[in-house]
Amino acid sequence: MTESRSGRTVGVPRPVWGAVTATLTATVLLLAAACATPPPPGAAAAATSGEPGPSSSPSTGAPRIVPGTSAPPALTTAPAPELPGGGRVLFPGRRLVALYGHPGTAALGVLGEQDLPGSIARAQKLAASYAPLSDVPVVPTFEIIATTASSEPGADGDYSAESTVASLRPWVDQAAAAGMYVVLDLQPGRADFLSQARRYTDLLRLPNVGLALDPEWHLDPGQKPLAQIGGVDAADINAVTAWLAGLTATTHLPQKLLVLHQFQLSMIRHEHNLDLSHPEIQLLIHMDGNGTPALKDETWAAVTASTPPGLPLGWKNFYDEDTPMLTPTQTMAHQPAPLMISYQ
C-alpha cells in the first residue's frame, strides 16, 4: 500500500501483486527465449574448456577482429611542432640571418625599408649569401622591434611605445609561411622586460617566434632615453627565461631563442649569474657594436671573453653606421663563428 498526496491510502492488495509479478516474469522469460540467437560454432566448447572463443584474443581475451568487420579507429597524435628548417633544438643545427627593424619605419632598420613581401624576399636573399659559408642550414629571419624606446614618456610613463599583437601578426604569420624565424625585440624604457614579454604571449606560443632583450634601452627610475647606456641585472633576465621556459613547456613548443643584446659589459650586470638550466630556452649573446672593423673587433673580443662558456654568439652589421660594413665572408671569419647575424 502507498499513501497519496491527499493522505488517503491507495494501492493494490498484496495477493494481486503476487499474481501480477508471476505473470510478468513468465512473459519476460518467453521473450528472452524467442529473441536469443544460437552461439557461434565452437563457442560452447570454448566456454567449457576455458579456451578463448572466436571473438576474443587467444592470449588476453581482448576483442578479436572478425573477418568482414571493421577495426576500431587507431588513436593518432598531432606531430610535435618543429622549428623552421626542421627539428626542435635551435643550435648547432642552423644559422639565423636577420633583417632588424620595425615594420614601416625605415629609420629603425632595414626591415622597415620595404613592405612585407619585399622584406621576406630581402631576408631570403641575404640568408642565401651566407649559405656557401655555413656548415649548417641558414634560416632567413626577422628581428622585429616590438616595443620601441621613445623620447616621450607616453600615457603610461614608461618611455616605450608598444606595438599591438594585431599589427605584428601578419609579419609573423607570413614569415612562418615562408619558412622564416621571427625574433621580437624589446626596448622597455622604464618598464620591466617580463611585463613587456607577457604582452606578446599569443605570438610567443608559435613555434617560429623567439624573444630579444635590448638592455641599452632599459631605464632605471629617474633615467631618460639617450642620456646613458642602459643595463639590466641577470636576475631580471632570469625571470624572463623562467617564464618563457614555462610557456614553451606547457604548449609543447620547440626550443625558444632568447637573444641578449650587448656592446658594453655593463649592459648585463652579474652576467655570470645567468640561468642556463632551462633546456626549453637557448640564450644567445648578440654583439651590437658599430663603427670601424677594428673597433667592432675590440667589442667582439670583450663580449666573447665575458660570455658564459658554451653560449652561442651573434653579430650585427650596420648599413649606415659601420665604416665599412663587413662582407659575409669577413663576418663569418670571427671565432667562434656567429650563429645569428643581424642587419640594421
C-alpha atoms as a PDB file:
ATOM      1  CA  MET A   1       0.000   0.000   0.000  1.00  0.00           C
ATOM      2  CA  THR A   2       1.099   3.583  -0.653  1.00  0.00           C
ATOM      3  CA  GLU A   3      -0.086   6.935   0.598  1.00  0.00           C
ATOM      4  CA  SER A   4      -1.368   9.503  -1.918  1.00  0.00           C
ATOM      5  CA  ARG A   5      -0.682  13.286  -1.798  1.00  0.00           C
ATOM      6  CA  SER A   6      -4.241  13.660  -0.375  1.00  0.00           C
ATOM      7  CA  GLY A   7      -3.351  11.440   2.574  1.00  0.00           C
ATOM      8  CA  ARG A   8      -5.609   8.556   1.531  1.00  0.00           C
ATOM      9  CA  THR A   9      -4.187   5.062   1.323  1.00  0.00           C
ATOM     10  CA  VAL A  10      -4.325   3.649  -2.187  1.00  0.00           C
ATOM     11  CA  GLY A  11      -2.814   0.661  -3.950  1.00  0.00           C
ATOM     12  CA  VAL A  12      -3.271  -2.972  -4.914  1.00  0.00           C
ATOM     13  CA  PRO A  13      -3.808  -5.783  -2.374  1.00  0.00           C
ATOM     14  CA  ARG A  14      -0.729  -7.998  -1.785  1.00  0.00           C
ATOM     15  CA  PRO A  15      -2.253 -11.202  -3.281  1.00  0.00           C
ATOM     16  CA  VAL A  16      -2.976  -9.402  -6.548  1.00  0.00           C
ATOM     17  CA  TRP A  17       0.668  -8.105  -6.696  1.00  0.00           C
ATOM     18  CA  GLY A  18       1.950 -11.658  -6.426  1.00  0.00           C
ATOM     19  CA  ALA A  19      -0.090 -12.776  -9.393  1.00  0.00           C
ATOM     20  CA  VAL A  20       0.995  -9.803 -11.459  1.00  0.00           C
ATOM     21  CA  THR A  21       4.662 -10.439 -10.651  1.00  0.00           C
ATOM     22  CA  ALA A  22       4.455 -14.090 -11.670  1.00  0.00           C
ATOM     23  CA  THR A  23       2.777 -13.231 -14.945  1.00  0.00           C
ATOM     24  CA  LEU A  24       5.386 -10.590 -15.814  1.00  0.00           C
ATOM     25  CA  THR A  25       8.251 -12.949 -15.008  1.00  0.00           C
ATOM     26  CA  ALA A  26       6.887 -15.655 -17.286  1.00  0.00           C
ATOM     27  CA  THR A  27       6.380 -13.158 -20.104  1.00  0.00           C
ATOM     28  CA  VAL A  28       9.975 -11.895 -19.857  1.00  0.00           C
ATOM     29  CA  LEU A  29      11.386 -15.432 -19.959  1.00  0.00           C
ATOM     30  CA  LEU A  30       9.340 -16.298 -23.056  1.00  0.00           C
ATOM     31  CA  LEU A  31      10.508 -13.143 -24.863  1.00  0.00           C
ATOM     32  CA  ALA A  32      14.157 -13.800 -23.967  1.00  0.00           C
ATOM     33  CA  ALA A  33      13.955 -17.323 -25.341  1.00  0.00           C
ATOM     34  CA  ALA A  34      12.343 -16.117 -28.560  1.00  0.00           C
ATOM     35  CA  CYS A  35      14.973 -13.408 -29.180  1.00  0.00           C
ATOM     36  CA  ALA A  36      18.047 -15.457 -28.292  1.00  0.00           C
ATOM     37  CA  THR A  37      20.435 -16.403 -31.135  1.00  0.00           C
ATOM     38  CA  PRO A  38      22.461 -19.612 -31.118  1.00  0.00           C
ATOM     39  CA  PRO A  39      26.121 -19.256 -30.213  1.00  0.00           C
ATOM     40  CA  PRO A  40      28.700 -19.479 -32.998  1.00  0.00           C
ATOM     41  CA  PRO A  41      30.242 -22.905 -33.593  1.00  0.00           C
ATOM     42  CA  GLY A  42      32.827 -23.715 -31.002  1.00  0.00           C
ATOM     43  CA  ALA A  43      31.605 -21.156 -28.514  1.00  0.00           C
ATOM     44  CA  ALA A  44      30.069 -23.746 -26.199  1.00  0.00           C
ATOM     45  CA  ALA A  45      33.202 -25.834 -26.322  1.00  0.00           C
ATOM     46  CA  ALA A  46      35.318 -22.813 -25.544  1.00  0.00           C
ATOM     47  CA  ALA A  47      33.120 -21.980 -22.593  1.00  0.00           C
ATOM     48  CA  THR A  48      33.565 -25.453 -21.091  1.00  0.00           C
ATOM     49  CA  SER A  49      37.220 -25.856 -21.986  1.00  0.00           C
ATOM     50  CA  GLY A  50      38.352 -22.448 -20.742  1.00  0.00           C
ATOM     51  CA  GLU A  51      39.825 -21.577 -24.167  1.00  0.00           C
ATOM     52  CA  PRO A  52      39.023 -18.216 -25.779  1.00  0.00           C
ATOM     53  CA  GLY A  53      36.191 -18.145 -28.260  1.00  0.00           C
ATOM     54  CA  PRO A  54      36.396 -16.797 -31.805  1.00  0.00           C
ATOM     55  CA  SER A  55      35.619 -13.238 -30.682  1.00  0.00           C
ATOM     56  CA  SER A  56      38.432 -12.915 -28.149  1.00  0.00           C
ATOM     57  CA  SER A  57      42.213 -12.763 -28.182  1.00  0.00           C
ATOM     58  CA  PRO A  58      43.985 -16.085 -27.566  1.00  0.00           C
ATOM     59  CA  SER A  59      46.358 -14.519 -25.044  1.00  0.00           C
ATOM     60  CA  THR A  60      44.407 -11.744 -23.382  1.00  0.00           C
ATOM     61  CA  GLY A  61      40.721 -12.342 -24.033  1.00  0.00           C
ATOM     62  CA  ALA A  62      40.582  -8.912 -25.707  1.00  0.00           C
ATOM     63  CA  PRO A  63      38.104  -8.460 -28.590  1.00  0.00           C
ATOM     64  CA  ARG A  64      39.283 -10.137 -31.771  1.00  0.00           C
ATOM     65  CA  ILE A  65      38.687  -8.573 -35.181  1.00  0.00           C
ATOM     66  CA  VAL A  66      36.450 -10.983 -37.112  1.00  0.00           C
ATOM     67  CA  PRO A  67      36.971 -11.075 -40.900  1.00  0.00           C
ATOM     68  CA  GLY A  68      34.500  -8.805 -42.625  1.00  0.00           C
ATOM     69  CA  THR A  69      34.242  -6.383 -39.741  1.00  0.00           C
ATOM     70  CA  SER A  70      35.988  -3.019 -39.221  1.00  0.00           C
ATOM     71  CA  ALA A  71      38.875  -2.480 -36.794  1.00  0.00           C
ATOM     72  CA  PRO A  72      38.385   0.171 -34.113  1.00  0.00           C
ATOM     73  CA  PRO A  73      39.863   3.557 -35.162  1.00  0.00           C
ATOM     74  CA  ALA A  74      43.539   3.946 -34.289  1.00  0.00           C
ATOM     75  CA  LEU A  75      44.480   6.684 -31.853  1.00  0.00           C
ATOM     76  CA  THR A  76      46.519   9.424 -33.542  1.00  0.00           C
ATOM     77  CA  THR A  77      48.502  12.282 -32.069  1.00  0.00           C
ATOM     78  CA  ALA A  78      49.362  15.529 -33.814  1.00  0.00           C
ATOM     79  CA  PRO A  79      53.034  15.774 -34.766  1.00  0.00           C
ATOM     80  CA  ALA A  80      55.117  17.940 -32.457  1.00  0.00           C
ATOM     81  CA  PRO A  81      55.723  21.388 -33.983  1.00  0.00           C
ATOM     82  CA  GLU A  82      59.207  21.977 -35.353  1.00  0.00           C
ATOM     83  CA  LEU A  83      61.445  24.959 -35.971  1.00  0.00           C
ATOM     84  CA  PRO A  84      61.900  26.461 -39.430  1.00  0.00           C
ATOM     85  CA  GLY A  85      64.322  24.133 -41.141  1.00  0.00           C
ATOM     86  CA  GLY A  86      63.193  21.160 -39.028  1.00  0.00           C
ATOM     87  CA  GLY A  87      63.969  19.790 -35.593  1.00  0.00           C
ATOM     88  CA  ARG A  88      63.130  21.090 -32.144  1.00  0.00           C
ATOM     89  CA  VAL A  89      66.562  22.286 -30.924  1.00  0.00           C
ATOM     90  CA  LEU A  90      67.984  25.519 -32.307  1.00  0.00           C
ATOM     91  CA  PHE A  91      71.741  25.069 -32.360  1.00  0.00           C
ATOM     92  CA  PRO A  92      74.052  23.889 -33.780  1.00  0.00           C
ATOM     93  CA  GLY A  93      71.606  22.747 -36.454  1.00  0.00           C
ATOM     94  CA  ARG A  94      71.039  26.120 -38.102  1.00  0.00           C
ATOM     95  CA  ARG A  95      72.329  29.687 -38.505  1.00  0.00           C
ATOM     96  CA  LEU A  96      69.984  32.697 -38.452  1.00  0.00           C
ATOM     97  CA  VAL A  97      70.490  35.709 -40.735  1.00  0.00           C
ATOM     98  CA  ALA A  98      68.093  38.514 -39.852  1.00  0.00           C
ATOM     99  CA  LEU A  99      66.713  41.830 -41.018  1.00  0.00           C
ATOM    100  CA  TYR A 100      66.362  44.128 -37.995  1.00  0.00           C
ATOM    101  CA  GLY A 101      63.878  46.970 -37.599  1.00  0.00           C
ATOM    102  CA  HIS A 102      60.244  47.949 -37.251  1.00  0.00           C
ATOM    103  CA  PRO A 103      57.592  47.496 -39.963  1.00  0.00           C
ATOM    104  CA  GLY A 104      57.025  50.680 -41.922  1.00  0.00           C
ATOM    105  CA  THR A 105      59.735  52.695 -40.155  1.00  0.00           C
ATOM    106  CA  ALA A 106      62.893  52.862 -42.247  1.00  0.00           C
ATOM    107  CA  ALA A 107      64.771  54.936 -39.651  1.00  0.00           C
ATOM    108  CA  LEU A 108      64.767  51.996 -37.229  1.00  0.00           C
ATOM    109  CA  GLY A 109      66.401  49.469 -39.548  1.00  0.00           C
ATOM    110  CA  VAL A 110      66.339  47.753 -42.902  1.00  0.00           C
ATOM    111  CA  LEU A 111      63.289  45.634 -42.096  1.00  0.00           C
ATOM    112  CA  GLY A 112      61.150  48.772 -42.380  1.00  0.00           C
ATOM    113  CA  GLU A 113      62.567  49.956 -45.705  1.00  0.00           C
ATOM    114  CA  GLN A 114      60.137  47.886 -47.796  1.00  0.00           C
ATOM    115  CA  ASP A 115      56.740  46.239 -47.478  1.00  0.00           C
ATOM    116  CA  LEU A 116      56.219  42.762 -46.039  1.00  0.00           C
ATOM    117  CA  PRO A 117      56.696  40.755 -49.270  1.00  0.00           C
ATOM    118  CA  GLY A 118      59.756  42.860 -50.046  1.00  0.00           C
ATOM    119  CA  SER A 119      61.204  42.220 -46.597  1.00  0.00           C
ATOM    120  CA  ILE A 120      60.704  38.464 -46.963  1.00  0.00           C
ATOM    121  CA  ALA A 121      62.464  38.495 -50.328  1.00  0.00           C
ATOM    122  CA  ARG A 122      65.309  40.629 -48.961  1.00  0.00           C
ATOM    123  CA  ALA A 123      65.807  38.368 -45.934  1.00  0.00           C
ATOM    124  CA  GLN A 124      65.852  35.293 -48.154  1.00  0.00           C
ATOM    125  CA  LYS A 125      68.419  36.841 -50.481  1.00  0.00           C
ATOM    126  CA  LEU A 126      70.618  37.886 -47.549  1.00  0.00           C
ATOM    127  CA  ALA A 127      70.445  34.419 -45.993  1.00  0.00           C
ATOM    128  CA  ALA A 128      71.361  32.845 -49.319  1.00  0.00           C
ATOM    129  CA  SER A 129      74.595  34.869 -49.383  1.00  0.00           C
ATOM    130  CA  TYR A 130      75.711  33.020 -46.241  1.00  0.00           C
ATOM    131  CA  ALA A 131      74.764  29.528 -47.395  1.00  0.00           C
ATOM    132  CA  PRO A 132      78.126  28.789 -49.125  1.00  0.00           C
ATOM    133  CA  LEU A 133      79.970  29.912 -45.968  1.00  0.00           C
ATOM    134  CA  SER A 134      77.945  27.933 -43.435  1.00  0.00           C
ATOM    135  CA  ASP A 135      78.269  24.293 -42.418  1.00  0.00           C
ATOM    136  CA  VAL A 136      74.632  24.268 -41.272  1.00  0.00           C
ATOM    137  CA  PRO A 137      71.425  25.450 -42.987  1.00  0.00           C
ATOM    138  CA  VAL A 138      70.874  29.219 -42.978  1.00  0.00           C
ATOM    139  CA  VAL A 139      67.373  30.344 -41.948  1.00  0.00           C
ATOM    140  CA  PRO A 140      66.154  33.800 -43.034  1.00  0.00           C
ATOM    141  CA  THR A 141      64.874  35.708 -40.021  1.00  0.00           C
ATOM    142  CA  PHE A 142      63.032  38.852 -38.968  1.00  0.00           C
ATOM    143  CA  GLU A 143      64.116  40.635 -35.798  1.00  0.00           C
ATOM    144  CA  ILE A 144      61.162  42.934 -35.236  1.00  0.00           C
ATOM    145  CA  ILE A 145      61.275  45.782 -32.726  1.00  0.00           C
ATOM    146  CA  ALA A 146      58.039  45.111 -30.852  1.00  0.00           C
ATOM    147  CA  THR A 147      58.477  47.796 -28.190  1.00  0.00           C
ATOM    148  CA  THR A 148      60.378  50.912 -29.272  1.00  0.00           C
ATOM    149  CA  ALA A 149      62.308  53.233 -26.973  1.00  0.00           C
ATOM    150  CA  SER A 150      60.752  56.692 -27.068  1.00  0.00           C
ATOM    151  CA  SER A 151      61.927  60.163 -26.117  1.00  0.00           C
ATOM    152  CA  GLU A 152      58.432  60.827 -24.743  1.00  0.00           C
ATOM    153  CA  PRO A 153      57.037  59.082 -21.658  1.00  0.00           C
ATOM    154  CA  GLY A 154      53.710  58.268 -23.263  1.00  0.00           C
ATOM    155  CA  ALA A 155      50.442  57.722 -21.437  1.00  0.00           C
ATOM    156  CA  ASP A 156      51.912  55.026 -19.202  1.00  0.00           C
ATOM    157  CA  GLY A 157      55.094  56.987 -18.490  1.00  0.00           C
ATOM    158  CA  ASP A 158      57.497  54.180 -19.433  1.00  0.00           C
ATOM    159  CA  TYR A 159      59.237  55.811 -22.457  1.00  0.00           C
ATOM    160  CA  SER A 160      58.451  52.786 -24.601  1.00  0.00           C
ATOM    161  CA  ALA A 161      55.930  52.507 -27.454  1.00  0.00           C
ATOM    162  CA  GLU A 162      54.380  49.033 -27.522  1.00  0.00           C
ATOM    163  CA  SER A 163      53.189  47.580 -30.826  1.00  0.00           C
ATOM    164  CA  THR A 164      49.944  45.644 -30.763  1.00  0.00           C
ATOM    165  CA  VAL A 165      49.841  41.909 -31.388  1.00  0.00           C
ATOM    166  CA  ALA A 166      47.419  42.529 -34.261  1.00  0.00           C
ATOM    167  CA  SER A 167      49.891  44.827 -36.039  1.00  0.00           C
ATOM    168  CA  LEU A 168      52.708  42.270 -35.827  1.00  0.00           C
ATOM    169  CA  ARG A 169      50.746  39.116 -36.589  1.00  0.00           C
ATOM    170  CA  PRO A 170      50.800  39.470 -40.420  1.00  0.00           C
ATOM    171  CA  TRP A 171      54.596  39.699 -40.282  1.00  0.00           C
ATOM    172  CA  VAL A 172      54.844  36.662 -38.037  1.00  0.00           C
ATOM    173  CA  ASP A 173      52.333  34.583 -39.998  1.00  0.00           C
ATOM    174  CA  GLN A 174      53.753  35.332 -43.439  1.00  0.00           C
ATOM    175  CA  ALA A 175      57.297  34.764 -42.182  1.00  0.00           C
ATOM    176  CA  ALA A 176      56.200  31.347 -40.897  1.00  0.00           C
ATOM    177  CA  ALA A 177      54.627  30.541 -44.255  1.00  0.00           C
ATOM    178  CA  ALA A 178      57.958  31.418 -45.915  1.00  0.00           C
ATOM    179  CA  GLY A 179      59.915  29.139 -43.556  1.00  0.00           C
ATOM    180  CA  MET A 180      61.411  32.010 -41.554  1.00  0.00           C
ATOM    181  CA  TYR A 181      62.150  32.532 -37.871  1.00  0.00           C
ATOM    182  CA  VAL A 182      60.997  35.683 -36.040  1.00  0.00           C
ATOM    183  CA  VAL A 183      62.551  37.383 -33.002  1.00  0.00           C
ATOM    184  CA  LEU A 184      60.530  40.003 -31.104  1.00  0.00           C
ATOM    185  CA  ASP A 185      62.850  42.710 -29.762  1.00  0.00           C
ATOM    186  CA  LEU A 186      62.006  44.609 -26.558  1.00  0.00           C
ATOM    187  CA  GLN A 187      63.228  48.145 -25.772  1.00  0.00           C
ATOM    188  CA  PRO A 188      61.424  48.602 -22.463  1.00  0.00           C
ATOM    189  CA  GLY A 189      62.320  52.080 -21.216  1.00  0.00           C
ATOM    190  CA  ARG A 190      61.182  52.193 -17.581  1.00  0.00           C
ATOM    191  CA  ALA A 191      59.028  49.082 -17.946  1.00  0.00           C
ATOM    192  CA  ASP A 192      60.447  45.708 -16.970  1.00  0.00           C
ATOM    193  CA  PHE A 193      61.273  43.086 -19.575  1.00  0.00           C
ATOM    194  CA  LEU A 194      58.937  40.433 -18.172  1.00  0.00           C
ATOM    195  CA  SER A 195      55.860  42.659 -18.259  1.00  0.00           C
ATOM    196  CA  GLN A 196      56.565  43.592 -21.860  1.00  0.00           C
ATOM    197  CA  ALA A 197      57.249  39.993 -22.872  1.00  0.00           C
ATOM    198  CA  ARG A 198      53.878  38.921 -21.491  1.00  0.00           C
ATOM    199  CA  ARG A 199      52.161  41.341 -23.900  1.00  0.00           C
ATOM    200  CA  TYR A 200      53.204  39.067 -26.754  1.00  0.00           C
ATOM    201  CA  THR A 201      52.219  35.720 -25.244  1.00  0.00           C
ATOM    202  CA  ASP A 202      49.928  34.905 -28.177  1.00  0.00           C
ATOM    203  CA  LEU A 203      52.794  35.322 -30.645  1.00  0.00           C
ATOM    204  CA  LEU A 204      55.307  33.513 -28.443  1.00  0.00           C
ATOM    205  CA  ARG A 205      53.008  30.479 -28.454  1.00  0.00           C
ATOM    206  CA  LEU A 206      54.026  29.973 -32.093  1.00  0.00           C
ATOM    207  CA  PRO A 207      56.947  27.639 -32.850  1.00  0.00           C
ATOM    208  CA  ASN A 208      58.805  30.116 -35.076  1.00  0.00           C
ATOM    209  CA  VAL A 209      58.870  33.058 -32.634  1.00  0.00           C
ATOM    210  CA  GLY A 210      61.623  33.913 -30.138  1.00  0.00           C
ATOM    211  CA  LEU A 211      62.458  36.922 -27.996  1.00  0.00           C
ATOM    212  CA  ALA A 212      65.246  39.518 -27.714  1.00  0.00           C
ATOM    213  CA  LEU A 213      66.043  41.810 -24.775  1.00  0.00           C
ATOM    214  CA  ASP A 214      67.829  45.092 -25.510  1.00  0.00           C
ATOM    215  CA  PRO A 215      69.305  46.393 -22.227  1.00  0.00           C
ATOM    216  CA  GLU A 216      70.636  49.521 -23.938  1.00  0.00           C
ATOM    217  CA  TRP A 217      67.105  50.899 -23.751  1.00  0.00           C
ATOM    218  CA  HIS A 218      66.255  49.759 -20.230  1.00  0.00           C
ATOM    219  CA  LEU A 219      65.984  52.728 -17.853  1.00  0.00           C
ATOM    220  CA  ASP A 220      66.323  52.785 -14.119  1.00  0.00           C
ATOM    221  CA  PRO A 221      63.936  55.074 -12.174  1.00  0.00           C
ATOM    222  CA  GLY A 222      64.618  58.708 -12.984  1.00  0.00           C
ATOM    223  CA  GLN A 223      66.607  57.971 -16.168  1.00  0.00           C
ATOM    224  CA  LYS A 224      65.611  59.130 -19.640  1.00  0.00           C
ATOM    225  CA  PRO A 225      66.487  57.691 -23.073  1.00  0.00           C
ATOM    226  CA  LEU A 226      69.727  58.719 -24.800  1.00  0.00           C
ATOM    227  CA  ALA A 227      71.208  60.204 -21.624  1.00  0.00           C
ATOM    228  CA  GLN A 228      73.072  56.961 -20.822  1.00  0.00           C
ATOM    229  CA  ILE A 229      73.530  53.379 -21.961  1.00  0.00           C
ATOM    230  CA  GLY A 230      71.045  51.250 -20.068  1.00  0.00           C
ATOM    231  CA  GLY A 231      71.594  47.915 -18.383  1.00  0.00           C
ATOM    232  CA  VAL A 232      69.782  45.051 -16.707  1.00  0.00           C
ATOM    233  CA  ASP A 233      70.628  42.627 -13.922  1.00  0.00           C
ATOM    234  CA  ALA A 234      70.899  38.911 -14.616  1.00  0.00           C
ATOM    235  CA  ALA A 235      68.070  38.329 -12.127  1.00  0.00           C
ATOM    236  CA  ASP A 236      65.643  40.251 -14.368  1.00  0.00           C
ATOM    237  CA  ILE A 237      66.768  38.241 -17.381  1.00  0.00           C
ATOM    238  CA  ASN A 238      66.330  35.028 -15.406  1.00  0.00           C
ATOM    239  CA  ALA A 239      62.725  35.972 -14.635  1.00  0.00           C
ATOM    240  CA  VAL A 240      62.034  36.207 -18.374  1.00  0.00           C
ATOM    241  CA  THR A 241      63.881  32.946 -19.009  1.00  0.00           C
ATOM    242  CA  ALA A 242      61.845  31.064 -16.414  1.00  0.00           C
ATOM    243  CA  TRP A 243      58.529  32.449 -17.682  1.00  0.00           C
ATOM    244  CA  LEU A 244      59.367  31.714 -21.325  1.00  0.00           C
ATOM    245  CA  ALA A 245      60.561  28.205 -20.437  1.00  0.00           C
ATOM    246  CA  GLY A 246      57.254  27.530 -18.710  1.00  0.00           C
ATOM    247  CA  LEU A 247      55.264  28.783 -21.686  1.00  0.00           C
ATOM    248  CA  THR A 248      57.349  26.656 -24.052  1.00  0.00           C
ATOM    249  CA  ALA A 249      56.969  23.511 -21.952  1.00  0.00           C
ATOM    250  CA  THR A 250      53.241  23.767 -21.334  1.00  0.00           C
ATOM    251  CA  THR A 251      52.481  24.369 -25.009  1.00  0.00           C
ATOM    252  CA  HIS A 252      54.896  21.624 -26.204  1.00  0.00           C
ATOM    253  CA  LEU A 253      56.832  24.031 -28.410  1.00  0.00           C
ATOM    254  CA  PRO A 254      60.320  23.543 -29.795  1.00  0.00           C
ATOM    255  CA  GLN A 255      63.196  25.314 -28.091  1.00  0.00           C
ATOM    256  CA  LYS A 256      62.873  29.124 -27.919  1.00  0.00           C
ATOM    257  CA  LEU A 257      65.620  31.621 -28.686  1.00  0.00           C
ATOM    258  CA  LEU A 258      66.278  34.368 -26.132  1.00  0.00           C
ATOM    259  CA  VAL A 259      68.693  36.978 -27.517  1.00  0.00           C
ATOM    260  CA  LEU A 260      70.585  39.332 -25.194  1.00  0.00           C
ATOM    261  CA  HIS A 261      71.960  42.396 -26.986  1.00  0.00           C
ATOM    262  CA  GLN A 262      75.278  43.723 -25.690  1.00  0.00           C
ATOM    263  CA  PHE A 263      78.084  46.053 -26.731  1.00  0.00           C
ATOM    264  CA  GLN A 264      79.193  47.195 -23.267  1.00  0.00           C
ATOM    265  CA  LEU A 265      79.793  44.774 -20.407  1.00  0.00           C
ATOM    266  CA  SER A 266      77.727  46.995 -18.082  1.00  0.00           C
ATOM    267  CA  MET A 267      74.615  46.232 -20.142  1.00  0.00           C
ATOM    268  CA  ILE A 268      74.303  42.780 -18.493  1.00  0.00           C
ATOM    269  CA  ARG A 269      75.105  43.067 -14.795  1.00  0.00           C
ATOM    270  CA  HIS A 270      76.229  39.905 -12.964  1.00  0.00           C
ATOM    271  CA  GLU A 271      76.359  38.080 -16.276  1.00  0.00           C
ATOM    272  CA  HIS A 272      77.902  35.035 -14.582  1.00  0.00           C
ATOM    273  CA  ASN A 273      74.581  34.539 -12.763  1.00  0.00           C
ATOM    274  CA  LEU A 274      72.563  33.975 -15.925  1.00  0.00           C
ATOM    275  CA  ASP A 275      70.301  30.946 -15.508  1.00  0.00           C
ATOM    276  CA  LEU A 276      71.220  28.364 -18.149  1.00  0.00           C
ATOM    277  CA  SER A 277      69.287  25.481 -16.576  1.00  0.00           C
ATOM    278  CA  HIS A 278      66.197  25.559 -18.807  1.00  0.00           C
ATOM    279  CA  PRO A 279      66.536  23.238 -21.831  1.00  0.00           C
ATOM    280  CA  GLU A 280      63.460  24.890 -23.373  1.00  0.00           C
ATOM    281  CA  ILE A 281      65.431  28.137 -23.840  1.00  0.00           C
ATOM    282  CA  GLN A 282      68.567  28.852 -25.852  1.00  0.00           C
ATOM    283  CA  LEU A 283      70.268  32.061 -24.734  1.00  0.00           C
ATOM    284  CA  LEU A 284      72.436  33.882 -27.275  1.00  0.00           C
ATOM    285  CA  ILE A 285      74.665  36.921 -26.630  1.00  0.00           C
ATOM    286  CA  HIS A 286      74.443  39.300 -29.588  1.00  0.00           C
ATOM    287  CA  MET A 287      77.303  41.767 -30.136  1.00  0.00           C
ATOM    288  CA  ASP A 288      75.758  45.035 -31.326  1.00  0.00           C
ATOM    289  CA  GLY A 289      78.681  47.443 -31.594  1.00  0.00           C
ATOM    290  CA  ASN A 290      79.076  49.607 -34.692  1.00  0.00           C
ATOM    291  CA  GLY A 291      81.949  51.576 -36.207  1.00  0.00           C
ATOM    292  CA  THR A 292      85.200  50.603 -37.889  1.00  0.00           C
ATOM    293  CA  PRO A 293      86.157  46.938 -38.239  1.00  0.00           C
ATOM    294  CA  ALA A 294      88.938  47.417 -35.677  1.00  0.00           C
ATOM    295  CA  LEU A 295      86.550  48.942 -33.132  1.00  0.00           C
ATOM    296  CA  LYS A 296      83.980  46.202 -33.692  1.00  0.00           C
ATOM    297  CA  ASP A 297      86.673  43.542 -33.245  1.00  0.00           C
ATOM    298  CA  GLU A 298      87.607  45.069 -29.879  1.00  0.00           C
ATOM    299  CA  THR A 299      83.975  44.945 -28.797  1.00  0.00           C
ATOM    300  CA  TRP A 300      83.688  41.360 -30.020  1.00  0.00           C
ATOM    301  CA  ALA A 301      86.734  40.325 -28.009  1.00  0.00           C
ATOM    302  CA  ALA A 302      85.368  41.920 -24.823  1.00  0.00           C
ATOM    303  CA  VAL A 303      81.886  40.434 -25.237  1.00  0.00           C
ATOM    304  CA  THR A 304      83.108  36.933 -26.040  1.00  0.00           C
ATOM    305  CA  ALA A 305      85.507  36.969 -23.086  1.00  0.00           C
ATOM    306  CA  SER A 306      82.685  37.696 -20.636  1.00  0.00           C
ATOM    307  CA  THR A 307      80.103  35.360 -22.151  1.00  0.00           C
ATOM    308  CA  PRO A 308      79.337  32.252 -20.045  1.00  0.00           C
ATOM    309  CA  PRO A 309      81.031  29.194 -21.585  1.00  0.00           C
ATOM    310  CA  GLY A 310      79.017  27.372 -24.198  1.00  0.00           C
ATOM    311  CA  LEU A 311      76.619  30.174 -25.110  1.00  0.00           C
ATOM    312  CA  PRO A 312      76.300  30.881 -28.851  1.00  0.00           C
ATOM    313  CA  LEU A 313      77.081  34.360 -30.124  1.00  0.00           C
ATOM    314  CA  GLY A 314      75.573  36.790 -32.589  1.00  0.00           C
ATOM    315  CA  TRP A 315      76.916  39.693 -34.660  1.00  0.00           C
ATOM    316  CA  LYS A 316      75.240  42.793 -36.095  1.00  0.00           C
ATOM    317  CA  ASN A 317      76.196  44.621 -39.278  1.00  0.00           C
ATOM    318  CA  PHE A 318      75.056  48.233 -39.764  1.00  0.00           C
ATOM    319  CA  TYR A 319      74.499  49.536 -43.287  1.00  0.00           C
ATOM    320  CA  ASP A 320      74.963  53.180 -42.296  1.00  0.00           C
ATOM    321  CA  GLU A 321      76.988  53.243 -39.066  1.00  0.00           C
ATOM    322  CA  ASP A 322      79.705  50.701 -39.952  1.00  0.00           C
ATOM    323  CA  THR A 323      82.673  52.121 -41.888  1.00  0.00           C
ATOM    324  CA  PRO A 324      82.805  49.976 -43.909  1.00  0.00           C
ATOM    325  CA  MET A 325      80.253  47.221 -43.302  1.00  0.00           C
ATOM    326  CA  LEU A 326      81.771  43.745 -43.345  1.00  0.00           C
ATOM    327  CA  THR A 327      81.046  41.268 -46.104  1.00  0.00           C
ATOM    328  CA  PRO A 328      79.530  37.873 -45.258  1.00  0.00           C
ATOM    329  CA  THR A 329      82.978  36.293 -45.613  1.00  0.00           C
ATOM    330  CA  GLN A 330      84.522  38.804 -43.208  1.00  0.00           C
ATOM    331  CA  THR A 331      81.653  38.372 -40.768  1.00  0.00           C
ATOM    332  CA  MET A 332      81.986  34.590 -40.737  1.00  0.00           C
ATOM    333  CA  ALA A 333      85.739  34.829 -40.151  1.00  0.00           C
ATOM    334  CA  HIS A 334      85.138  35.668 -36.476  1.00  0.00           C
ATOM    335  CA  GLN A 335      85.684  32.943 -33.925  1.00  0.00           C
ATOM    336  CA  PRO A 336      83.542  31.410 -32.811  1.00  0.00           C
ATOM    337  CA  ALA A 337      81.535  31.908 -35.983  1.00  0.00           C
ATOM    338  CA  PRO A 338      78.321  33.761 -35.052  1.00  0.00           C
ATOM    339  CA  LEU A 339      75.147  31.682 -35.164  1.00  0.00           C
ATOM    340  CA  MET A 340      72.934  34.733 -35.579  1.00  0.00           C
ATOM    341  CA  ILE A 341      73.806  37.631 -37.847  1.00  0.00           C
ATOM    342  CA  SER A 342      71.561  40.694 -37.947  1.00  0.00           C
ATOM    343  CA  TYR A 343      71.488  43.604 -40.378  1.00  0.00           C
ATOM    344  CA  GLN A 344      70.305  47.068 -39.318  1.00  0.00           C
END
